[in-house]
Amino acid sequence: MVQQMPAAQDKHEAAEAVLRPGRIIQDKYLVHRIIGVGGMCAVGSATNVLLDQVVALKVLLPSLASNSEMVLRFMREARSAARLKSEHVARVFDVGMLESGEPYMVMEFLEGCDLGVVLDGRGSVPVGEAIEYVVQACEGIGEAHAMGLVHRDLKPENLFLARRADGVSHVKVLDFGIAKAMVPTESGQRPSYLTEKTTTFGTPTYMSPEQLREARDVDARSDIFSLGVILYELVSGRVPFEGDTTADLHASILMEEPTPLHELDPSVPAAFSEIVLRCLSKDRHERFASVSELTDALLPFASDALQEYGDRVARIVCGPRPSGTDIAALIESGAHPRMSDSGAPSSARKRRYARGSSDPDPAGNRPERDPSSQDPVRPVVA
């Protein structure tokens, strides 16, 4: 059965009904205004009157609240997000049910804009800036993967550039509404998955080939494919796969090879272009095995300030990295690439980074992020 989504006018009318300014929800949340309305939910700003704290309220639209699958998906998002502690995931504080039957969740209120707005306003961003956004997202996504969750709907609109109290912007991953839980099985067996049996969710432009073929047959490498699409779009201002119809788009993702970024723009480093192409491999076994591997591959092109993310993401995804003594032993055994006499990575090591090596890069020349104009401020929208 296909759920009929409400028309745009109906959605806004429904949103105004459940998030009416001045309404007090659960004797605690005073609604101020509607921030935005999405396909499933409405989001509004509110104040927790007991704590004098500004929050965001996300409510399932009334027309969908009678659909048990949609309610399950909404509640799964709340539970998934509440488990994640990374500063790069939008936090969930509370969940409940309105008197009229619609489920809601209470989230941190974010000021800033999503990367879709950045692309709309600027067209593209420098390589260093694109890497900064994606590496930060990798920390939040890595925590989800470590907990057995695959996001399945990564796209610029779900990477939110939020402003911290010190004025610095950082990325928050949004919308775990279609995240898939992998259920551990006995050793040696393939994981089973908690998800819909036949329904395909996600945004086709950013979906991996295996997600298009079978929504249940995805793992963390499907999210890595989506991150590759995002990197490609951030740097080039266009997506790697296109089509006039949905069928044409699917065919492009399944069968066509994208134009390498350095061929579109010669200023893009060829090694970075190869990293993006590896993310976009049709065969998931040819992609990076984890967001930790992807992070390490990207860091040689990132600013010094971003280097700490190599260890941070690795600790989240794989556990603590080897100690200095362990690394020395690896070097002696030949299993760890040596540094050149100058302290910079050898050319062989740089080539391994281009292929996605997970070795950290503590030195070397890295392009700095180009200064850019301030992005517009926009509260979080579903």
Protein backbone atom coordinates (compact mmCIF):
# COMPACT_ATOMS: atom_id res chain seq x y z
CA MET A 1 0.00 0.00 0.00
CA VAL A 2 1.38 3.41 -0.96
CA GLN A 3 0.86 6.22 1.54
CA GLN A 4 -0.60 9.32 -0.11
CA MET A 5 1.36 12.37 0.99
CA PRO A 6 -0.71 15.49 1.73
CA ALA A 7 -0.69 18.40 -0.73
CA ALA A 8 1.42 21.44 0.09
CA GLN A 9 -1.51 23.65 1.12
CA ASP A 10 -3.01 20.88 3.23
CA LYS A 11 0.36 20.28 4.92
CA HIS A 12 0.73 23.91 5.95
CA GLU A 13 -2.84 24.06 7.24
CA ALA A 14 -2.23 20.87 9.23
CA ALA A 15 1.03 22.26 10.57
CA GLU A 16 -0.72 25.40 11.78
CA ALA A 17 -3.29 23.25 13.54
CA VAL A 18 -0.75 21.25 15.58
CA LEU A 19 1.85 24.00 16.04
CA ARG A 20 -0.39 26.98 16.63
CA PRO A 21 1.55 29.93 18.10
CA GLY A 22 0.73 30.28 21.79
CA ARG A 23 -0.21 26.63 22.22
CA ILE A 24 1.29 24.90 25.26
CA ILE A 25 2.13 21.23 24.72
CA GLN A 26 2.28 18.84 27.66
CA ASP A 27 2.12 21.82 30.05
CA LYS A 28 5.74 22.50 29.20
CA TYR A 29 6.43 23.61 25.61
CA LEU A 30 5.15 27.03 24.50
CA VAL A 31 4.95 27.14 20.69
CA HIS A 32 6.24 30.32 19.04
CA ARG A 33 6.08 29.77 15.28
CA ILE A 34 6.38 27.25 12.47
CA ILE A 35 9.90 26.98 11.08
CA GLY A 36 9.09 24.73 8.15
CA VAL A 37 7.00 21.89 6.81
CA GLY A 38 8.43 18.78 5.17
CA GLY A 39 6.96 15.71 3.53
CA MET A 40 6.13 14.00 6.82
CA CYS A 41 6.59 16.52 9.58
CA ALA A 42 6.25 20.10 10.69
CA VAL A 43 8.92 21.81 12.77
CA GLY A 44 8.33 24.76 15.04
CA SER A 45 10.27 26.77 17.60
CA ALA A 46 9.14 26.64 21.21
CA THR A 47 10.30 27.34 24.73
CA ASN A 48 10.50 24.81 27.52
CA VAL A 49 8.87 27.07 30.10
CA LEU A 50 10.21 25.02 33.01
CA LEU A 51 13.83 25.43 31.90
CA ASP A 52 13.49 28.67 29.91
CA GLN A 53 15.16 26.81 27.02
CA VAL A 54 14.46 27.39 23.32
CA VAL A 55 13.89 24.10 21.50
CA ALA A 56 12.62 22.79 18.18
CA LEU A 57 9.43 20.74 18.10
CA LYS A 58 9.07 18.19 15.31
CA VAL A 59 5.55 16.80 14.87
CA LEU A 60 4.23 14.16 12.49
CA LEU A 61 1.55 15.66 10.23
CA PRO A 62 -2.01 14.71 11.29
CA SER A 63 -2.79 13.06 7.94
CA LEU A 64 0.01 10.56 8.54
CA ALA A 65 -0.50 9.96 12.26
CA SER A 66 -3.00 7.19 11.58
CA ASN A 67 -0.42 5.27 9.51
CA SER A 68 1.35 2.86 11.85
CA GLU A 69 4.38 2.59 9.57
CA MET A 70 4.88 6.36 9.53
CA VAL A 71 4.51 6.55 13.32
CA LEU A 72 7.04 3.74 13.69
CA ARG A 73 9.46 5.53 11.38
CA PHE A 74 9.05 8.77 13.34
CA MET A 75 9.60 7.10 16.69
CA ARG A 76 12.57 5.19 15.30
CA GLU A 77 14.16 8.51 14.32
CA ALA A 78 13.68 9.84 17.85
CA ARG A 79 15.18 6.74 19.45
CA SER A 80 18.06 6.58 16.96
CA ALA A 81 19.01 10.23 17.37
CA ALA A 82 18.63 10.13 21.17
CA ARG A 83 21.25 7.36 21.37
CA LEU A 84 23.85 9.40 19.49
CA LYS A 85 26.07 11.67 21.58
CA SER A 86 28.31 13.26 18.93
CA GLU A 87 28.31 17.03 18.69
CA HIS A 88 27.78 16.48 14.97
CA VAL A 89 24.29 15.00 15.38
CA ALA A 90 21.19 17.06 16.24
CA ARG A 91 20.27 16.09 19.80
CA VAL A 92 16.83 14.84 20.85
CA PHE A 93 15.70 15.75 24.38
CA ASP A 94 12.19 14.35 24.66
CA VAL A 95 9.41 12.54 22.83
CA GLY A 96 5.68 12.33 23.37
CA MET A 97 2.19 12.27 21.91
CA LEU A 98 -0.16 15.20 21.42
CA GLU A 99 -3.70 14.94 22.77
CA SER A 100 -4.89 14.67 19.16
CA GLY A 101 -2.69 11.63 18.52
CA GLU A 102 0.32 13.02 16.63
CA PRO A 103 3.76 11.97 17.92
CA TYR A 104 6.35 14.69 18.49
CA MET A 105 9.98 14.98 19.45
CA VAL A 106 11.83 17.82 21.15
CA MET A 107 15.18 18.68 19.58
CA GLU A 108 17.92 21.21 20.07
CA PHE A 109 17.18 24.46 18.26
CA LEU A 110 19.78 25.11 15.58
CA GLU A 111 20.62 28.43 13.95
CA GLY A 112 22.30 28.36 10.57
CA CYS A 113 21.45 26.66 7.29
CA ASP A 114 21.75 23.30 5.60
CA LEU A 115 24.29 22.63 2.86
CA GLY A 116 21.51 22.69 0.27
CA VAL A 117 21.06 26.38 1.06
CA VAL A 118 24.83 26.88 0.81
CA LEU A 119 24.81 25.29 -2.66
CA ASP A 120 21.81 27.37 -3.73
CA GLY A 121 23.55 30.56 -2.67
CA ARG A 122 27.12 29.85 -3.79
CA GLY A 123 26.91 27.15 -6.44
CA SER A 124 29.98 25.30 -5.17
CA VAL A 125 32.63 25.55 -2.46
CA PRO A 126 36.44 25.07 -2.42
CA VAL A 127 37.79 21.55 -1.93
CA GLY A 128 39.08 22.28 1.58
CA GLU A 129 35.72 23.60 2.70
CA ALA A 130 33.82 20.63 1.24
CA ILE A 131 36.19 18.28 3.07
CA GLU A 132 35.65 20.15 6.33
CA TYR A 133 31.89 19.66 6.09
CA VAL A 134 32.06 15.98 5.18
CA VAL A 135 34.76 15.04 7.71
CA GLN A 136 32.70 16.61 10.51
CA ALA A 137 29.65 14.69 9.30
CA CYS A 138 31.75 11.50 9.31
CA GLU A 139 32.06 11.72 13.09
CA GLY A 140 28.29 11.73 13.61
CA ILE A 141 27.70 9.11 10.92
CA GLY A 142 30.53 6.99 12.32
CA GLU A 143 28.84 6.87 15.72
CA ALA A 144 25.62 5.75 14.06
CA HIS A 145 27.47 3.03 12.13
CA ALA A 146 29.19 1.87 15.32
CA MET A 147 25.73 1.44 16.86
CA GLY A 148 24.52 -0.56 13.86
CA LEU A 149 22.57 2.25 12.17
CA VAL A 150 22.78 3.15 8.47
CA HIS A 151 21.38 6.62 7.72
CA ARG A 152 20.17 5.90 4.12
CA ASP A 153 19.19 9.50 3.35
CA LEU A 154 22.37 11.55 3.46
CA LYS A 155 22.13 14.65 1.25
CA PRO A 156 23.08 18.34 1.54
CA GLU A 157 19.71 19.16 3.12
CA ASN A 158 20.42 16.72 5.95
CA LEU A 159 23.82 18.22 6.78
CA PHE A 160 23.12 21.36 8.76
CA LEU A 161 25.72 24.09 9.21
CA ALA A 162 24.89 25.24 12.74
CA ARG A 163 26.39 28.19 14.56
CA ARG A 164 27.89 27.47 17.96
CA ALA A 165 27.90 29.93 20.86
CA ASP A 166 31.40 31.08 19.87
CA GLY A 167 30.18 31.95 16.36
CA VAL A 168 32.00 29.08 14.67
CA SER A 169 29.89 26.91 12.34
CA HIS A 170 29.95 23.14 12.44
CA VAL A 171 27.99 20.36 10.77
CA LYS A 172 25.08 18.52 12.36
CA VAL A 173 23.63 15.39 10.74
CA LEU A 174 19.82 15.51 10.62
CA ASP A 175 16.93 13.14 9.97
CA PHE A 176 17.52 9.57 11.02
CA GLY A 177 13.89 8.85 10.10
CA ILE A 178 14.77 6.11 7.61
CA ALA A 179 17.88 4.85 9.39
CA LYS A 180 18.14 1.09 9.25
CA ALA A 181 19.08 -0.99 12.27
CA MET A 182 21.41 -3.91 11.69
CA VAL A 183 20.72 -6.79 14.07
CA PRO A 184 23.84 -8.72 15.17
CA THR A 185 23.77 -12.43 14.39
CA GLU A 186 25.96 -15.35 15.30
CA SER A 187 29.61 -15.01 14.37
CA GLY A 188 30.26 -15.46 10.67
CA GLN A 189 26.67 -14.86 9.64
CA ARG A 190 25.47 -11.93 7.59
CA PRO A 191 23.62 -9.30 9.70
CA SER A 192 19.86 -9.17 9.44
CA TYR A 193 18.08 -5.84 9.19
CA LEU A 194 15.11 -4.15 10.78
CA THR A 195 13.48 -2.20 7.98
CA GLU A 196 10.63 -2.13 5.52
CA LYS A 197 10.43 -5.20 3.30
CA THR A 198 9.48 -3.57 0.02
CA THR A 199 9.31 0.19 0.40
CA THR A 200 12.21 2.27 -0.94
CA PHE A 201 12.94 5.39 1.07
CA GLY A 202 15.57 8.00 0.43
CA THR A 203 16.43 10.64 -2.14
CA PRO A 204 17.27 8.90 -5.45
CA THR A 205 20.01 11.35 -6.51
CA TYR A 206 22.08 10.36 -3.46
CA MET A 207 21.19 6.66 -3.24
CA SER A 208 23.70 3.89 -3.84
CA PRO A 209 23.14 1.28 -6.56
CA GLU A 210 22.40 -1.41 -3.97
CA GLN A 211 19.84 0.81 -2.23
CA LEU A 212 18.07 1.36 -5.55
CA ARG A 213 17.99 -2.37 -6.20
CA GLU A 214 16.95 -3.52 -2.74
CA ALA A 215 16.39 -1.17 0.20
CA ARG A 216 17.18 -3.91 2.72
CA ASP A 217 20.52 -4.80 1.14
CA VAL A 218 22.55 -1.83 2.39
CA ASP A 219 25.29 -1.33 4.94
CA ALA A 220 27.58 1.51 6.00
CA ARG A 221 29.13 1.64 2.53
CA SER A 222 25.82 2.88 1.14
CA ASP A 223 26.21 6.01 3.28
CA ILE A 224 29.77 6.37 1.96
CA PHE A 225 28.38 6.40 -1.59
CA SER A 226 26.02 9.22 -0.55
CA LEU A 227 28.91 11.16 0.97
CA GLY A 228 30.72 10.80 -2.35
CA VAL A 229 27.76 12.33 -4.16
CA ILE A 230 27.71 15.19 -1.63
CA LEU A 231 31.46 15.83 -2.03
CA TYR A 232 31.09 15.81 -5.82
CA GLU A 233 28.20 18.28 -5.70
CA LEU A 234 29.83 20.60 -3.16
CA VAL A 235 32.98 20.95 -5.26
CA SER A 236 31.48 20.99 -8.76
CA GLY A 237 28.02 22.45 -8.19
CA ARG A 238 26.46 19.49 -10.02
CA VAL A 239 25.57 15.93 -9.10
CA PRO A 240 27.53 13.02 -10.62
CA PHE A 241 24.44 11.20 -11.91
CA GLU A 242 21.54 12.85 -13.72
CA GLY A 243 18.43 11.92 -15.67
CA ASP A 244 15.37 13.60 -17.14
CA THR A 245 13.14 11.02 -15.45
CA THR A 246 13.45 8.91 -12.32
CA ALA A 247 14.07 5.86 -14.51
CA ASP A 248 16.86 7.70 -16.36
CA LEU A 249 18.43 8.76 -13.05
CA HIS A 250 18.34 5.19 -11.75
CA ALA A 251 19.95 3.94 -14.96
CA SER A 252 22.69 6.54 -14.65
CA ILE A 253 23.49 5.54 -11.06
CA LEU A 254 23.44 1.84 -11.90
CA MET A 255 25.40 1.90 -15.17
CA GLU A 256 27.19 5.18 -15.94
CA GLU A 257 30.54 6.41 -14.66
CA PRO A 258 30.74 10.04 -13.49
CA THR A 259 33.12 12.55 -15.04
CA PRO A 260 36.13 12.89 -12.69
CA LEU A 261 36.15 16.19 -10.80
CA HIS A 262 39.63 17.14 -11.98
CA GLU A 263 38.41 16.88 -15.58
CA LEU A 264 35.56 19.28 -14.83
CA ASP A 265 37.91 21.65 -13.00
CA PRO A 266 41.71 21.27 -13.44
CA SER A 267 42.30 23.08 -10.15
CA VAL A 268 40.83 20.10 -8.27
CA PRO A 269 43.64 17.75 -7.15
CA ALA A 270 43.54 14.50 -9.12
CA ALA A 271 44.15 12.50 -5.93
CA PHE A 272 41.09 14.07 -4.29
CA SER A 273 39.09 13.33 -7.43
CA GLU A 274 40.12 9.67 -7.13
CA ILE A 275 38.90 9.56 -3.52
CA VAL A 276 35.47 10.80 -4.60
CA LEU A 277 35.35 8.28 -7.46
CA ARG A 278 36.17 5.50 -5.02
CA CYS A 279 33.20 6.55 -2.88
CA LEU A 280 31.05 6.35 -6.02
CA SER A 281 32.12 2.84 -7.05
CA LYS A 282 29.22 0.70 -8.25
CA ASP A 283 30.67 -2.25 -6.33
CA ARG A 284 30.51 -1.42 -2.63
CA HIS A 285 33.49 -3.69 -1.97
CA GLU A 286 35.61 -1.18 -3.91
CA ARG A 287 34.54 1.76 -1.71
CA PHE A 288 36.08 2.75 1.58
CA ALA A 289 35.12 0.18 4.19
CA SER A 290 34.26 2.80 6.81
CA VAL A 291 33.91 6.54 7.35
CA SER A 292 37.15 6.31 9.31
CA GLU A 293 38.99 5.19 6.17
CA LEU A 294 37.30 7.95 4.18
CA THR A 295 38.27 10.54 6.80
CA ASP A 296 41.92 9.49 6.70
CA ALA A 297 41.93 9.66 2.92
CA LEU A 298 40.56 13.22 2.98
CA LEU A 299 42.73 14.69 5.75
CA PRO A 300 45.87 15.28 3.63
CA PHE A 301 43.81 17.87 1.73
CA ALA A 302 42.35 19.46 4.89
CA SER A 303 43.48 22.26 7.18
CA ASP A 304 45.61 21.61 10.26
CA ALA A 305 42.62 22.36 12.49
CA LEU A 306 40.78 19.34 11.06
CA GLN A 307 43.53 16.76 11.65
CA GLU A 308 42.22 15.69 15.06
CA TYR A 309 39.20 14.15 13.34
CA GLY A 310 41.32 11.27 12.07
CA ASP A 311 41.74 9.90 15.58
CA ARG A 312 38.30 11.00 16.73
CA VAL A 313 36.44 9.19 13.98
CA ALA A 314 38.70 6.13 14.26
CA ARG A 315 38.06 5.84 18.01
CA ILE A 316 34.32 5.99 17.42
CA VAL A 317 34.27 3.50 14.55
CA CYS A 318 37.15 1.15 15.37
CA GLY A 319 38.17 1.79 18.98
CA PRO A 320 41.44 3.42 20.15
CA ARG A 321 44.26 3.78 17.64
CA PRO A 322 47.67 2.10 18.22
CA SER A 323 49.90 3.74 20.81
CA GLY A 324 53.26 5.22 19.92
CA THR A 325 54.94 1.95 20.95
CA ASP A 326 52.55 -0.04 18.77
CA ILE A 327 53.19 2.26 15.81
CA ALA A 328 56.95 1.89 16.26
CA ALA A 329 56.54 -1.89 16.17
CA LEU A 330 54.45 -1.61 13.02
CA ILE A 331 57.14 0.50 11.37
CA GLU A 332 59.83 -2.03 12.25
CA SER A 333 57.70 -4.83 10.85
CA GLY A 334 57.12 -2.93 7.62
CA ALA A 335 53.35 -2.78 8.16
CA HIS A 336 53.32 0.99 8.69
CA PRO A 337 54.58 3.46 6.02
CA ARG A 338 57.69 5.36 7.11
CA MET A 339 58.01 9.10 7.07
CA SER A 340 60.62 10.68 4.82
CA ASP A 341 63.64 12.35 6.37
CA SER A 342 61.91 15.72 6.06
CA GLY A 343 59.00 14.50 8.18
CA ALA A 344 56.58 14.61 5.23
CA PRO A 345 54.77 11.51 3.94
CA SER A 346 56.59 9.63 1.22
CA SER A 347 55.20 9.70 -2.30
CA ALA A 348 54.18 6.06 -1.89
CA ARG A 349 52.21 6.99 1.21
CA LYS A 350 50.46 9.81 -0.61
CA ARG A 351 49.44 7.34 -3.30
CA ARG A 352 48.01 5.05 -0.63
CA TYR A 353 45.95 7.94 0.69
CA ALA A 354 44.51 8.44 -2.77
CA ARG A 355 43.39 4.82 -2.69
CA GLY A 356 41.87 5.25 0.77
CA SER A 357 44.57 4.06 3.18
CA SER A 358 43.57 4.46 6.82
CA ASP A 359 47.05 5.58 7.89
CA PRO A 360 47.07 8.95 9.71
CA ASP A 361 48.96 11.85 8.17
CA PRO A 362 50.66 13.87 10.91
CA ALA A 363 52.60 16.11 8.54
CA GLY A 364 52.82 17.36 5.00
CA ASN A 365 51.50 20.23 2.95
CA ARG A 366 47.75 20.60 3.09
CA PRO A 367 45.69 23.21 1.28
CA GLU A 368 44.06 25.65 3.68
CA ARG A 369 40.34 26.35 3.58
CA ASP A 370 39.59 29.41 1.44
CA PRO A 371 37.81 32.24 3.23
CA SER A 372 34.19 32.43 2.17
CA SER A 373 31.29 34.73 2.64
CA GLN A 374 28.94 34.18 5.55
CA ASP A 375 26.14 31.78 4.83
CA PRO A 376 22.55 32.84 5.46
CA VAL A 377 21.07 32.10 8.88
CA ARG A 378 18.12 29.77 8.79
CA PRO A 379 16.68 27.64 11.60
CA VAL A 380 16.55 23.86 11.18
CA VAL A 381 13.75 22.62 8.93
CA ALA A 382 12.55 19.05 8.52
